[in-house]
C-alpha atoms as a PDB file:
ATOM      1  CA  MET A   1       0.000   0.000   0.000  1.00  0.00           C
ATOM      2  CA  SER A   2       2.909   2.318   0.743  1.00  0.00           C
ATOM      3  CA  LYS A   3       4.357   1.802  -2.756  1.00  0.00           C
ATOM      4  CA  LEU A   4       0.938   2.288  -4.324  1.00  0.00           C
ATOM      5  CA  THR A   5       0.121   5.516  -2.484  1.00  0.00           C
ATOM      6  CA  ASN A   6       3.598   6.969  -3.155  1.00  0.00           C
ATOM      7  CA  ALA A   7       3.247   6.213  -6.875  1.00  0.00           C
ATOM      8  CA  ALA A   8      -0.259   7.718  -6.940  1.00  0.00           C
ATOM      9  CA  GLU A   9       0.956  10.865  -5.192  1.00  0.00           C
ATOM     10  CA  ALA A  10       3.836  11.249  -7.663  1.00  0.00           C
ATOM     11  CA  ALA A  11       1.425  10.836 -10.588  1.00  0.00           C
ATOM     12  CA  GLY A  12      -1.175  13.210  -9.159  1.00  0.00           C
ATOM     13  CA  ALA A  13      -3.681  10.364  -8.944  1.00  0.00           C
ATOM     14  CA  LYS A  14      -6.146   9.351  -6.256  1.00  0.00           C
ATOM     15  CA  VAL A  15      -6.386   5.998  -4.468  1.00  0.00           C
ATOM     16  CA  ILE A  16      -9.811   4.782  -3.353  1.00  0.00           C
ATOM     17  CA  LEU A  17      -9.853   1.953  -0.797  1.00  0.00           C
ATOM     18  CA  VAL A  18     -12.922  -0.282  -0.675  1.00  0.00           C
ATOM     19  CA  GLY A  19     -13.603  -2.781   2.068  1.00  0.00           C
ATOM     20  CA  ASP A  20     -15.296  -3.618   5.355  1.00  0.00           C
ATOM     21  CA  SER A  21     -13.325  -3.842   8.597  1.00  0.00           C
ATOM     22  CA  GLU A  22     -16.368  -5.484  10.229  1.00  0.00           C
ATOM     23  CA  GLN A  23     -15.904  -8.598   8.066  1.00  0.00           C
ATOM     24  CA  LEU A  24     -13.154 -11.230   8.155  1.00  0.00           C
ATOM     25  CA  GLN A  25      -9.659  -9.850   8.534  1.00  0.00           C
ATOM     26  CA  ALA A  26      -6.630 -10.395   6.311  1.00  0.00           C
ATOM     27  CA  ILE A  27      -4.727 -13.611   7.009  1.00  0.00           C
ATOM     28  CA  GLY A  28      -1.393 -11.761   7.227  1.00  0.00           C
ATOM     29  CA  ALA A  29      -0.504  -8.533   9.006  1.00  0.00           C
ATOM     30  CA  GLY A  30      -3.233  -5.958   8.572  1.00  0.00           C
ATOM     31  CA  GLY A  31      -5.301  -3.226  10.169  1.00  0.00           C
ATOM     32  CA  ALA A  32      -4.234  -0.354   7.920  1.00  0.00           C
ATOM     33  CA  PHE A  33      -7.586  -0.079   6.123  1.00  0.00           C
ATOM     34  CA  SER A  34      -9.471   0.588   9.348  1.00  0.00           C
ATOM     35  CA  THR A  35      -6.802   3.003  10.594  1.00  0.00           C
ATOM     36  CA  VAL A  36      -6.806   5.026   7.374  1.00  0.00           C
ATOM     37  CA  SER A  37     -10.612   5.210   7.206  1.00  0.00           C
ATOM     38  CA  GLU A  38     -10.821   6.397  10.808  1.00  0.00           C
ATOM     39  CA  SER A  39      -8.047   8.958  10.252  1.00  0.00           C
ATOM     40  CA  ILE A  40      -9.205  10.624   7.033  1.00  0.00           C
ATOM     41  CA  GLY A  41     -12.925   9.832   7.033  1.00  0.00           C
ATOM     42  CA  LYS A  42     -15.017   7.473   4.924  1.00  0.00           C
ATOM     43  CA  ALA A  43     -18.184   7.133   2.901  1.00  0.00           C
ATOM     44  CA  GLU A  44     -20.208   4.252   4.284  1.00  0.00           C
ATOM     45  CA  LEU A  45     -23.017   2.038   2.977  1.00  0.00           C
ATOM     46  CA  THR A  46     -25.369   1.444   5.898  1.00  0.00           C
ATOM     47  CA  GLU A  47     -28.433  -0.119   4.249  1.00  0.00           C
ATOM     48  CA  ILE A  48     -28.554  -3.924   3.857  1.00  0.00           C
ATOM     49  CA  TYR A  49     -30.046  -5.047   0.534  1.00  0.00           C
ATOM     50  CA  ARG A  50     -29.235  -8.774   0.374  1.00  0.00           C
ATOM     51  CA  GLN A  51     -31.764 -10.119   2.894  1.00  0.00           C
ATOM     52  CA  LYS A  52     -35.474  -9.946   2.049  1.00  0.00           C
ATOM     53  CA  SER A  53     -36.667 -10.228   5.664  1.00  0.00           C
ATOM     54  CA  SER A  54     -36.661  -6.961   7.616  1.00  0.00           C
ATOM     55  CA  ALA A  55     -36.226  -8.973  10.840  1.00  0.00           C
ATOM     56  CA  ASP A  56     -33.114 -10.622   9.377  1.00  0.00           C
ATOM     57  CA  LYS A  57     -31.735  -7.224   8.415  1.00  0.00           C
ATOM     58  CA  GLN A  58     -32.335  -5.865  11.896  1.00  0.00           C
ATOM     59  CA  SER A  59     -30.694  -8.845  13.622  1.00  0.00           C
ATOM     60  CA  LEU A  60     -27.660  -8.669  11.317  1.00  0.00           C
ATOM     61  CA  GLN A  61     -27.237  -4.966  12.024  1.00  0.00           C
ATOM     62  CA  ALA A  62     -27.204  -5.871  15.722  1.00  0.00           C
ATOM     63  CA  LEU A  63     -24.615  -8.611  15.118  1.00  0.00           C
ATOM     64  CA  ARG A  64     -22.432  -6.228  13.120  1.00  0.00           C
ATOM     65  CA  LYS A  65     -22.367  -3.940  16.169  1.00  0.00           C
ATOM     66  CA  GLY A  66     -21.438  -6.829  18.458  1.00  0.00           C
ATOM     67  CA  ASP A  67     -24.907  -7.595  19.832  1.00  0.00           C
ATOM     68  CA  SER A  68     -24.774 -11.351  19.276  1.00  0.00           C
ATOM     69  CA  LYS A  69     -27.457 -11.918  21.929  1.00  0.00           C
ATOM     70  CA  ALA A  70     -30.095 -10.141  19.821  1.00  0.00           C
ATOM     71  CA  PHE A  71     -28.990 -12.004  16.689  1.00  0.00           C
ATOM     72  CA  LEU A  72     -29.172 -15.450  18.330  1.00  0.00           C
ATOM     73  CA  ALA A  73     -32.492 -14.593  19.995  1.00  0.00           C
ATOM     74  CA  HIS A  74     -33.939 -13.810  16.543  1.00  0.00           C
ATOM     75  CA  MET A  75     -32.632 -17.068  15.062  1.00  0.00           C
ATOM     76  CA  LYS A  76     -33.972 -19.047  18.026  1.00  0.00           C
ATOM     77  CA  SER A  77     -37.402 -17.394  17.862  1.00  0.00           C
ATOM     78  CA  GLU A  78     -37.775 -18.605  14.252  1.00  0.00           C
ATOM     79  CA  ASP A  79     -36.480 -22.119  15.044  1.00  0.00           C
ATOM     80  CA  ARG A  80     -33.341 -21.503  12.982  1.00  0.00           C
ATOM     81  CA  LEU A  81     -30.830 -22.227  15.773  1.00  0.00           C
ATOM     82  CA  HIS A  82     -30.113 -25.944  16.276  1.00  0.00           C
ATOM     83  CA  ILE A  83     -27.852 -27.180  19.094  1.00  0.00           C
ATOM     84  CA  THR A  84     -27.144 -30.904  19.507  1.00  0.00           C
ATOM     85  CA  LYS A  85     -25.060 -32.912  21.968  1.00  0.00           C
ATOM     86  CA  ARG A  86     -22.556 -34.344  19.460  1.00  0.00           C
ATOM     87  CA  THR A  87     -20.733 -32.632  16.583  1.00  0.00           C
ATOM     88  CA  SER A  88     -21.439 -35.556  14.252  1.00  0.00           C
ATOM     89  CA  THR A  89     -25.162 -35.128  14.966  1.00  0.00           C
ATOM     90  CA  ALA A  90     -24.985 -31.407  14.197  1.00  0.00           C
ATOM     91  CA  HIS A  91     -23.184 -32.144  10.922  1.00  0.00           C
ATOM     92  CA  LYS A  92     -25.779 -34.761   9.978  1.00  0.00           C
ATOM     93  CA  GLN A  93     -28.698 -32.483  10.854  1.00  0.00           C
ATOM     94  CA  MET A  94     -27.171 -29.640   8.834  1.00  0.00           C
ATOM     95  CA  SER A  95     -26.483 -31.846   5.811  1.00  0.00           C
ATOM     96  CA  ASN A  96     -30.040 -33.232   5.966  1.00  0.00           C
ATOM     97  CA  LYS A  97     -31.552 -29.738   5.994  1.00  0.00           C
ATOM     98  CA  PHE A  98     -29.308 -28.704   3.099  1.00  0.00           C
ATOM     99  CA  ILE A  99     -30.187 -31.734   0.949  1.00  0.00           C
ATOM    100  CA  GLU A 100     -33.922 -31.670   1.795  1.00  0.00           C
ATOM    101  CA  SER A 101     -34.264 -27.983   0.867  1.00  0.00           C
ATOM    102  CA  LYS A 102     -36.238 -27.372  -2.329  1.00  0.00           C
ATOM    103  CA  ALA A 103     -33.676 -24.796  -3.543  1.00  0.00           C
ATOM    104  CA  GLY A 104     -31.362 -25.824  -6.376  1.00  0.00           C
ATOM    105  CA  LEU A 105     -27.799 -26.770  -5.433  1.00  0.00           C
ATOM    106  CA  GLN A 106     -26.371 -23.565  -6.888  1.00  0.00           C
ATOM    107  CA  ASP A 107     -28.886 -21.502  -4.891  1.00  0.00           C
ATOM    108  CA  LYS A 108     -27.778 -22.782  -1.485  1.00  0.00           C
ATOM    109  CA  ILE A 109     -24.530 -23.367   0.391  1.00  0.00           C
ATOM    110  CA  MET A 110     -23.198 -24.764   3.653  1.00  0.00           C
ATOM    111  CA  ILE A 111     -20.604 -22.651   5.483  1.00  0.00           C
ATOM    112  CA  ALA A 112     -18.158 -23.581   8.261  1.00  0.00           C
ATOM    113  CA  GLY A 113     -15.164 -21.863   9.828  1.00  0.00           C
ATOM    114  CA  ARG A 114     -12.692 -24.741   9.700  1.00  0.00           C
ATOM    115  CA  ARG A 115     -11.571 -26.915   6.797  1.00  0.00           C
ATOM    116  CA  ALA A 116     -12.081 -30.095   8.844  1.00  0.00           C
ATOM    117  CA  ASP A 117     -15.793 -29.285   9.208  1.00  0.00           C
ATOM    118  CA  VAL A 118     -16.008 -28.274   5.532  1.00  0.00           C
ATOM    119  CA  ASN A 119     -14.496 -31.608   4.445  1.00  0.00           C
ATOM    120  CA  ALA A 120     -16.814 -33.613   6.722  1.00  0.00           C
ATOM    121  CA  LEU A 121     -19.924 -31.782   5.513  1.00  0.00           C
ATOM    122  CA  ASN A 122     -18.932 -32.059   1.837  1.00  0.00           C
ATOM    123  CA  LYS A 123     -18.430 -35.805   2.230  1.00  0.00           C
ATOM    124  CA  MET A 124     -21.737 -36.226   4.078  1.00  0.00           C
ATOM    125  CA  ALA A 125     -23.825 -34.203   1.593  1.00  0.00           C
ATOM    126  CA  ARG A 126     -22.266 -35.952  -1.384  1.00  0.00           C
ATOM    127  CA  GLN A 127     -22.969 -39.397   0.097  1.00  0.00           C
ATOM    128  CA  GLN A 128     -26.615 -38.468   0.600  1.00  0.00           C
ATOM    129  CA  LEU A 129     -26.914 -37.314  -3.007  1.00  0.00           C
ATOM    130  CA  LYS A 130     -25.367 -40.583  -4.203  1.00  0.00           C
ATOM    131  CA  GLU A 131     -27.819 -42.598  -2.132  1.00  0.00           C
ATOM    132  CA  GLN A 132     -30.678 -40.624  -3.688  1.00  0.00           C
ATOM    133  CA  GLY A 133     -29.357 -41.367  -7.190  1.00  0.00           C
ATOM    134  CA  LYS A 134     -28.720 -37.705  -7.972  1.00  0.00           C
ATOM    135  CA  LEU A 135     -25.054 -38.249  -8.918  1.00  0.00           C
ATOM    136  CA  SER A 136     -24.161 -40.484 -11.863  1.00  0.00           C
ATOM    137  CA  VAL A 137     -21.201 -41.762 -13.940  1.00  0.00           C
ATOM    138  CA  GLU A 138     -18.533 -41.357 -11.279  1.00  0.00           C
ATOM    139  CA  THR A 139     -14.785 -41.316 -11.904  1.00  0.00           C
ATOM    140  CA  SER A 140     -11.661 -40.493  -9.902  1.00  0.00           C
ATOM    141  CA  PHE A 141      -8.342 -38.679 -10.342  1.00  0.00           C
ATOM    142  CA  LYS A 142      -5.522 -37.201  -8.266  1.00  0.00           C
ATOM    143  CA  ASP A 143      -6.158 -33.670  -7.031  1.00  0.00           C
ATOM    144  CA  ALA A 144      -3.480 -31.000  -6.486  1.00  0.00           C
ATOM    145  CA  ASN A 145      -2.606 -32.597  -3.115  1.00  0.00           C
ATOM    146  CA  GLU A 146      -2.143 -36.011  -4.718  1.00  0.00           C
ATOM    147  CA  LYS A 147      -5.272 -37.299  -2.992  1.00  0.00           C
ATOM    148  CA  THR A 148      -7.875 -39.364  -4.823  1.00  0.00           C
ATOM    149  CA  MET A 149     -10.900 -37.238  -5.655  1.00  0.00           C
ATOM    150  CA  ARG A 150     -14.151 -38.788  -6.828  1.00  0.00           C
ATOM    151  CA  VAL A 151     -16.348 -36.732  -9.150  1.00  0.00           C
ATOM    152  CA  ALA A 152     -19.665 -37.513 -10.813  1.00  0.00           C
ATOM    153  CA  ILE A 153     -22.040 -35.784 -13.217  1.00  0.00           C
ATOM    154  CA  HIS A 154     -24.121 -33.206 -11.266  1.00  0.00           C
ATOM    155  CA  ASP A 155     -21.419 -32.849  -8.583  1.00  0.00           C
ATOM    156  CA  ARG A 156     -20.766 -29.379  -7.191  1.00  0.00           C
ATOM    157  CA  LEU A 157     -17.131 -28.247  -7.410  1.00  0.00           C
ATOM    158  CA  ARG A 158     -15.099 -25.345  -6.100  1.00  0.00           C
ATOM    159  CA  LEU A 159     -12.103 -24.198  -8.182  1.00  0.00           C
ATOM    160  CA  LEU A 160      -9.014 -23.338  -6.145  1.00  0.00           C
ATOM    161  CA  LYS A 161      -6.664 -21.616  -8.586  1.00  0.00           C
ATOM    162  CA  ASN A 162      -6.795 -18.857 -11.191  1.00  0.00           C
ATOM    163  CA  ASN A 163      -6.267 -20.025 -14.767  1.00  0.00           C
ATOM    164  CA  LYS A 164      -6.421 -17.419 -17.551  1.00  0.00           C
ATOM    165  CA  GLN A 165      -6.351 -20.022 -20.307  1.00  0.00           C
ATOM    166  CA  LEU A 166      -9.476 -21.718 -18.940  1.00  0.00           C
ATOM    167  CA  GLY A 167     -10.987 -18.418 -17.840  1.00  0.00           C
ATOM    168  CA  VAL A 168     -11.611 -19.558 -14.261  1.00  0.00           C
ATOM    169  CA  SER A 169     -10.786 -17.961 -10.932  1.00  0.00           C
ATOM    170  CA  ASN A 170      -9.938 -19.136  -7.448  1.00  0.00           C
ATOM    171  CA  GLY A 171     -13.215 -19.541  -5.547  1.00  0.00           C
ATOM    172  CA  ASP A 172     -15.487 -20.151  -8.554  1.00  0.00           C
ATOM    173  CA  LEU A 173     -18.305 -22.618  -7.891  1.00  0.00           C
ATOM    174  CA  ALA A 174     -19.458 -24.899 -10.691  1.00  0.00           C
ATOM    175  CA  THR A 175     -21.580 -27.939 -11.572  1.00  0.00           C
ATOM    176  CA  VAL A 176     -20.270 -30.965 -13.482  1.00  0.00           C
ATOM    177  CA  LYS A 177     -22.349 -31.333 -16.649  1.00  0.00           C
ATOM    178  CA  ASP A 178     -20.449 -34.181 -18.315  1.00  0.00           C
ATOM    179  CA  LEU A 179     -17.266 -36.221 -18.014  1.00  0.00           C
ATOM    180  CA  ASP A 180     -15.168 -38.405 -20.241  1.00  0.00           C
ATOM    181  CA  ILE A 181     -12.020 -40.524 -20.049  1.00  0.00           C
ATOM    182  CA  THR A 182      -9.421 -40.162 -22.836  1.00  0.00           C
ATOM    183  CA  ASP A 183      -7.555 -43.095 -24.403  1.00  0.00           C
ATOM    184  CA  SER A 184      -4.548 -42.157 -22.262  1.00  0.00           C
ATOM    185  CA  GLY A 185      -6.679 -42.317 -19.080  1.00  0.00           C
ATOM    186  CA  ASP A 186      -7.077 -38.577 -18.462  1.00  0.00           C
ATOM    187  CA  THR A 187     -10.334 -37.340 -16.951  1.00  0.00           C
ATOM    188  CA  ILE A 188     -12.094 -34.572 -18.912  1.00  0.00           C
ATOM    189  CA  LEU A 189     -14.721 -32.623 -16.979  1.00  0.00           C
ATOM    190  CA  THR A 190     -17.261 -30.340 -18.625  1.00  0.00           C
ATOM    191  CA  ILE A 191     -18.376 -27.890 -15.988  1.00  0.00           C
ATOM    192  CA  GLU A 192     -20.676 -24.888 -15.874  1.00  0.00           C
ATOM    193  CA  THR A 193     -19.708 -22.120 -13.480  1.00  0.00           C
ATOM    194  CA  ASP A 194     -22.394 -20.347 -11.495  1.00  0.00           C
ATOM    195  CA  SER A 195     -21.839 -17.332 -13.728  1.00  0.00           C
ATOM    196  CA  GLY A 196     -23.045 -19.491 -16.653  1.00  0.00           C
ATOM    197  CA  LYS A 197     -19.704 -20.189 -18.363  1.00  0.00           C
ATOM    198  CA  SER A 198     -19.077 -23.656 -19.845  1.00  0.00           C
ATOM    199  CA  VAL A 199     -15.496 -24.884 -19.344  1.00  0.00           C
ATOM    200  CA  GLU A 200     -13.763 -28.118 -20.340  1.00  0.00           C
ATOM    201  CA  ILE A 201     -11.076 -29.231 -17.881  1.00  0.00           C
ATOM    202  CA  ASN A 202      -8.457 -31.919 -18.324  1.00  0.00           C
ATOM    203  CA  THR A 203      -7.618 -32.899 -14.744  1.00  0.00           C
ATOM    204  CA  ALA A 204      -4.109 -33.864 -15.837  1.00  0.00           C
ATOM    205  CA  ASP A 205      -3.514 -30.145 -16.487  1.00  0.00           C
ATOM    206  CA  TYR A 206      -5.823 -28.539 -13.897  1.00  0.00           C
ATOM    207  CA  ASN A 207      -6.647 -30.450 -10.719  1.00  0.00           C
ATOM    208  CA  ASP A 208      -6.993 -27.639  -8.161  1.00  0.00           C
ATOM    209  CA  LEU A 209     -10.499 -28.772  -7.300  1.00  0.00           C
ATOM    210  CA  THR A 210     -12.582 -29.695  -4.288  1.00  0.00           C
ATOM    211  CA  HIS A 211     -16.250 -30.412  -3.710  1.00  0.00           C
ATOM    212  CA  GLY A 212     -18.414 -27.314  -3.353  1.00  0.00           C
ATOM    213  CA  TYR A 213     -21.398 -28.165  -1.179  1.00  0.00           C
ATOM    214  CA  CYS A 214     -19.747 -26.606   1.862  1.00  0.00           C
ATOM    215  CA  ILE A 215     -17.160 -23.790   1.860  1.00  0.00           C
ATOM    216  CA  THR A 216     -15.191 -21.903   4.495  1.00  0.00           C
ATOM    217  CA  ALA A 217     -16.383 -18.580   5.880  1.00  0.00           C
ATOM    218  CA  HIS A 218     -13.385 -16.871   4.239  1.00  0.00           C
ATOM    219  CA  ALA A 219     -14.333 -18.370   0.862  1.00  0.00           C
ATOM    220  CA  SER A 220     -17.943 -17.239   1.295  1.00  0.00           C
ATOM    221  CA  GLN A 221     -17.107 -13.520   1.524  1.00  0.00           C
ATOM    222  CA  GLY A 222     -18.893 -11.756  -1.310  1.00  0.00           C
ATOM    223  CA  ALA A 223     -21.163 -14.720  -2.036  1.00  0.00           C
ATOM    224  CA  THR A 224     -24.942 -14.375  -2.308  1.00  0.00           C
ATOM    225  CA  VAL A 225     -27.257 -17.405  -2.192  1.00  0.00           C
ATOM    226  CA  ALA A 226     -30.944 -17.963  -1.544  1.00  0.00           C
ATOM    227  CA  GLU A 227     -30.201 -20.211   1.452  1.00  0.00           C
ATOM    228  CA  ALA A 228     -27.237 -20.623   3.798  1.00  0.00           C
ATOM    229  CA  TYR A 229     -26.656 -23.386   6.355  1.00  0.00           C
ATOM    230  CA  ILE A 230     -24.019 -22.463   8.931  1.00  0.00           C
ATOM    231  CA  TYR A 231     -21.946 -24.642  11.256  1.00  0.00           C
ATOM    232  CA  SER A 232     -20.839 -22.519  14.207  1.00  0.00           C
ATOM    233  CA  SER A 233     -17.891 -23.797  16.239  1.00  0.00           C
ATOM    234  CA  SER A 234     -15.600 -22.462  18.958  1.00  0.00           C
ATOM    235  CA  PHE A 235     -13.523 -21.124  16.046  1.00  0.00           C
ATOM    236  CA  ASN A 236     -15.741 -18.091  15.699  1.00  0.00           C
ATOM    237  CA  SER A 237     -15.732 -14.316  16.073  1.00  0.00           C
ATOM    238  CA  LYS A 238     -17.944 -11.282  15.496  1.00  0.00           C
ATOM    239  CA  GLU A 239     -16.508 -10.840  12.009  1.00  0.00           C
ATOM    240  CA  MET A 240     -16.893 -14.516  11.052  1.00  0.00           C
ATOM    241  CA  ALA A 241     -20.438 -14.732  12.426  1.00  0.00           C
ATOM    242  CA  TYR A 242     -21.438 -11.612  10.495  1.00  0.00           C
ATOM    243  CA  VAL A 243     -20.038 -12.953   7.209  1.00  0.00           C
ATOM    244  CA  GLN A 244     -21.639 -16.386   7.658  1.00  0.00           C
ATOM    245  CA  GLY A 245     -24.958 -14.987   8.816  1.00  0.00           C
ATOM    246  CA  SER A 246     -25.336 -12.499   5.969  1.00  0.00           C
ATOM    247  CA  ARG A 247     -24.793 -14.646   2.846  1.00  0.00           C
ATOM    248  CA  HIS A 248     -28.478 -15.527   2.321  1.00  0.00           C
ATOM    249  CA  LYS A 249     -31.304 -13.702   0.620  1.00  0.00           C
ATOM    250  CA  GLU A 250     -34.244 -15.784   1.832  1.00  0.00           C
ATOM    251  CA  HIS A 251     -33.279 -18.229   4.574  1.00  0.00           C
ATOM    252  CA  SER A 252     -30.433 -19.260   6.892  1.00  0.00           C
ATOM    253  CA  GLU A 253     -29.993 -21.695   9.783  1.00  0.00           C
ATOM    254  CA  ILE A 254     -27.267 -22.172  12.400  1.00  0.00           C
ATOM    255  CA  PHE A 255     -26.050 -25.518  13.758  1.00  0.00           C
ATOM    256  CA  ALA A 256     -23.740 -26.153  16.727  1.00  0.00           C
ATOM    257  CA  SER A 257     -22.932 -28.852  19.286  1.00  0.00           C
ATOM    258  CA  GLU A 258     -22.334 -28.944  23.035  1.00  0.00           C
ATOM    259  CA  GLN A 259     -19.367 -31.233  22.340  1.00  0.00           C
ATOM    260  CA  GLU A 260     -17.791 -28.373  20.419  1.00  0.00           C
ATOM    261  CA  VAL A 261     -18.696 -25.243  22.369  1.00  0.00           C
ATOM    262  CA  GLY A 262     -19.634 -26.553  25.838  1.00  0.00           C
ATOM    263  CA  GLU A 263     -22.790 -27.398  27.786  1.00  0.00           C
ATOM    264  CA  LEU A 264     -23.974 -23.775  27.897  1.00  0.00           C
ATOM    265  CA  ALA A 265     -23.732 -23.764  24.127  1.00  0.00           C
ATOM    266  CA  GLU A 266     -26.019 -20.825  23.415  1.00  0.00           C
ATOM    267  CA  LYS A 267     -24.176 -18.617  25.914  1.00  0.00           C
ATOM    268  CA  GLN A 268     -20.798 -19.726  24.544  1.00  0.00           C
ATOM    269  CA  LEU A 269     -21.904 -18.937  20.989  1.00  0.00           C
ATOM    270  CA  GLU A 270     -23.062 -15.520  22.163  1.00  0.00           C
ATOM    271  CA  ARG A 271     -19.613 -14.823  23.635  1.00  0.00           C
ATOM    272  CA  ALA A 272     -17.724 -16.113  20.589  1.00  0.00           C
ATOM    273  CA  MET A 273     -19.875 -14.105  18.166  1.00  0.00           C
ATOM    274  CA  ALA A 274     -19.303 -10.929  20.178  1.00  0.00           C
ATOM    275  CA  ARG A 275     -15.499 -11.335  20.257  1.00  0.00           C
ATOM    276  CA  SER A 276     -13.810  -9.141  17.666  1.00  0.00           C
ATOM    277  CA  THR A 277     -10.683 -10.206  15.800  1.00  0.00           C
ATOM    278  CA  GLU A 278     -10.160  -6.850  14.104  1.00  0.00           C
ATOM    279  CA  LYS A 279      -6.439  -6.293  13.648  1.00  0.00           C
ATOM    280  CA  GLN A 280      -4.427  -3.394  14.964  1.00  0.00           C
ATOM    281  CA  THR A 281      -1.478  -1.572  13.478  1.00  0.00           C
ATOM    282  CA  ALA A 282       1.717  -1.343  15.541  1.00  0.00           C
ATOM    283  CA  LEU A 283       0.967   2.337  16.211  1.00  0.00           C
ATOM    284  CA  GLU A 284      -2.524   1.557  17.543  1.00  0.00           C
ATOM    285  CA  LYS A 285      -1.120  -1.171  19.814  1.00  0.00           C
ATOM    286  CA  TYR A 286       1.543   1.205  21.149  1.00  0.00           C
ATOM    287  CA  GLU A 287      -1.070   3.870  21.879  1.00  0.00           C
ATOM    288  CA  GLU A 288      -3.246   1.276  23.636  1.00  0.00           C
ATOM    289  CA  ILE A 289      -0.338   0.181  25.849  1.00  0.00           C
ATOM    290  CA  GLN A 290       0.451   3.799  26.697  1.00  0.00           C
ATOM    291  CA  ALA A 291      -3.176   4.505  27.573  1.00  0.00           C
ATOM    292  CA  GLN A 292      -3.295   1.426  29.815  1.00  0.00           C
ATOM    293  CA  ALA A 293      -0.108   2.490  31.607  1.00  0.00           C
ATOM    294  CA  ASN A 294      -1.577   5.927  32.323  1.00  0.00           C
ATOM    295  CA  LYS A 295      -4.775   4.593  33.908  1.00  0.00           C
ATOM    296  CA  THR A 296      -5.448   5.131  37.605  1.00  0.00           C
ATOM    297  CA  PRO A 297      -5.802   2.122  39.957  1.00  0.00           C
ATOM    298  CA  LEU A 298      -9.585   2.651  39.998  1.00  0.00           C
ATOM    299  CA  GLU A 299      -9.773   2.605  36.189  1.00  0.00           C
ATOM    300  CA  LYS A 300      -7.715  -0.594  36.115  1.00  0.00           C
ATOM    301  CA  ALA A 301     -10.002  -2.145  38.748  1.00  0.00           C
ATOM    302  CA  ARG A 302     -13.077  -1.331  36.654  1.00  0.00           C
ATOM    303  CA  ASP A 303     -11.466  -2.876  33.543  1.00  0.00           C
ATOM    304  CA  LYS A 304     -10.509  -6.004  35.478  1.00  0.00           C
ATOM    305  CA  ALA A 305     -14.058  -6.335  36.794  1.00  0.00           C
ATOM    306  CA  LYS A 306     -15.412  -6.203  33.234  1.00  0.00           C
ATOM    307  CA  GLU A 307     -13.029  -8.988  32.194  1.00  0.00           C
ATOM    308  CA  LEU A 308     -14.484 -11.108  35.004  1.00  0.00           C
ATOM    309  CA  GLY A 309     -18.019 -10.367  33.849  1.00  0.00           C
ATOM    310  CA  LYS A 310     -18.835  -7.950  36.654  1.00  0.00           C
ATOM    311  CA  ASP A 311     -20.402  -4.622  35.776  1.00  0.00           C
ATOM    312  CA  LEU A 312     -18.875  -2.054  38.157  1.00  0.00           C
ATOM    313  CA  ASN A 313     -20.157   1.015  36.380  1.00  0.00           C
ATOM    314  CA  PHE A 314     -18.840   3.675  38.753  1.00  0.00           C
ATOM    315  CA  ASP A 315     -17.388   7.113  38.095  1.00  0.00           C
ATOM    316  CA  VAL A 316     -13.636   6.641  38.519  1.00  0.00           C
ATOM    317  CA  ASN A 317     -13.196  10.381  39.091  1.00  0.00           C
ATOM    318  CA  ASN A 318     -15.720  10.609  41.933  1.00  0.00           C
ATOM    319  CA  THR A 319     -13.880   8.933  44.806  1.00  0.00           C
ATOM    320  CA  ASP A 320     -16.355  10.268  47.358  1.00  0.00           C
ATOM    321  CA  ALA A 321     -19.130   8.147  45.826  1.00  0.00           C
ATOM    322  CA  LEU A 322     -17.152   4.918  46.308  1.00  0.00           C
ATOM    323  CA  SER A 323     -17.762   2.720  49.292  1.00  0.00           C
END
């Protein structure tokens, strides 16, 4: 960003940054976007257009501000929050709901925070479709990780690498329309991306593929579907919950397990979804440390009480009012 802004300044150009610090953070070092927007000001889109339900919009606005309790209360009131004892049961329940939905496969998605959950849910959904006879003419090949990948006609795939020659991008979702095996044993897949593009792939040349019934929260950023089915684990945050919870237009449901998040699962989810993972710059961290060092003993006591879940909302400057 430093190189870019210096070059723009030298050229007399303007740089416009576009993003949302309330969504998932960069994997690497970050925080500059939020710092810059707070320092110089920003234009902000505040109206939600994706969701059709006004109640959904209201609950997501609350979640965006950190009020996970209001969000979960809304989901629970509409019987869209499902908590089971075992993780395997939660996965099965979520996969069942996904498969039983009347929406087409490209109009719905399952979302989870961790790859292990994504892999388990992809495997489960695909097995159910096979049992129902909705997948046909199956073949196998080695994927980019040298693991055997089974693919059938009507399978949902996610592409994991940009390829200009094929005209596909990392993150594209597609449906297998046909497949063939060459005389040399190569697998040829004819796929149709969700944008409507037909592509022929020789898996000997391009095998950066995985099944696309369930995707990670990071991969779902920017996606819009009619229905979203969300697995919520202890690996959660305000930003992740907001991204997962706001992908749908018409319907969404949340699944979790006591095995994963604890016996007081709803309360634990509330805490996890309120915890922010927004990144700080080094300067912001330094200023925070300095501010902490300059606090009075009473201010530090109040902060410590809040960490312990105690609300000691007293005026730290009015020592006469303290018992």
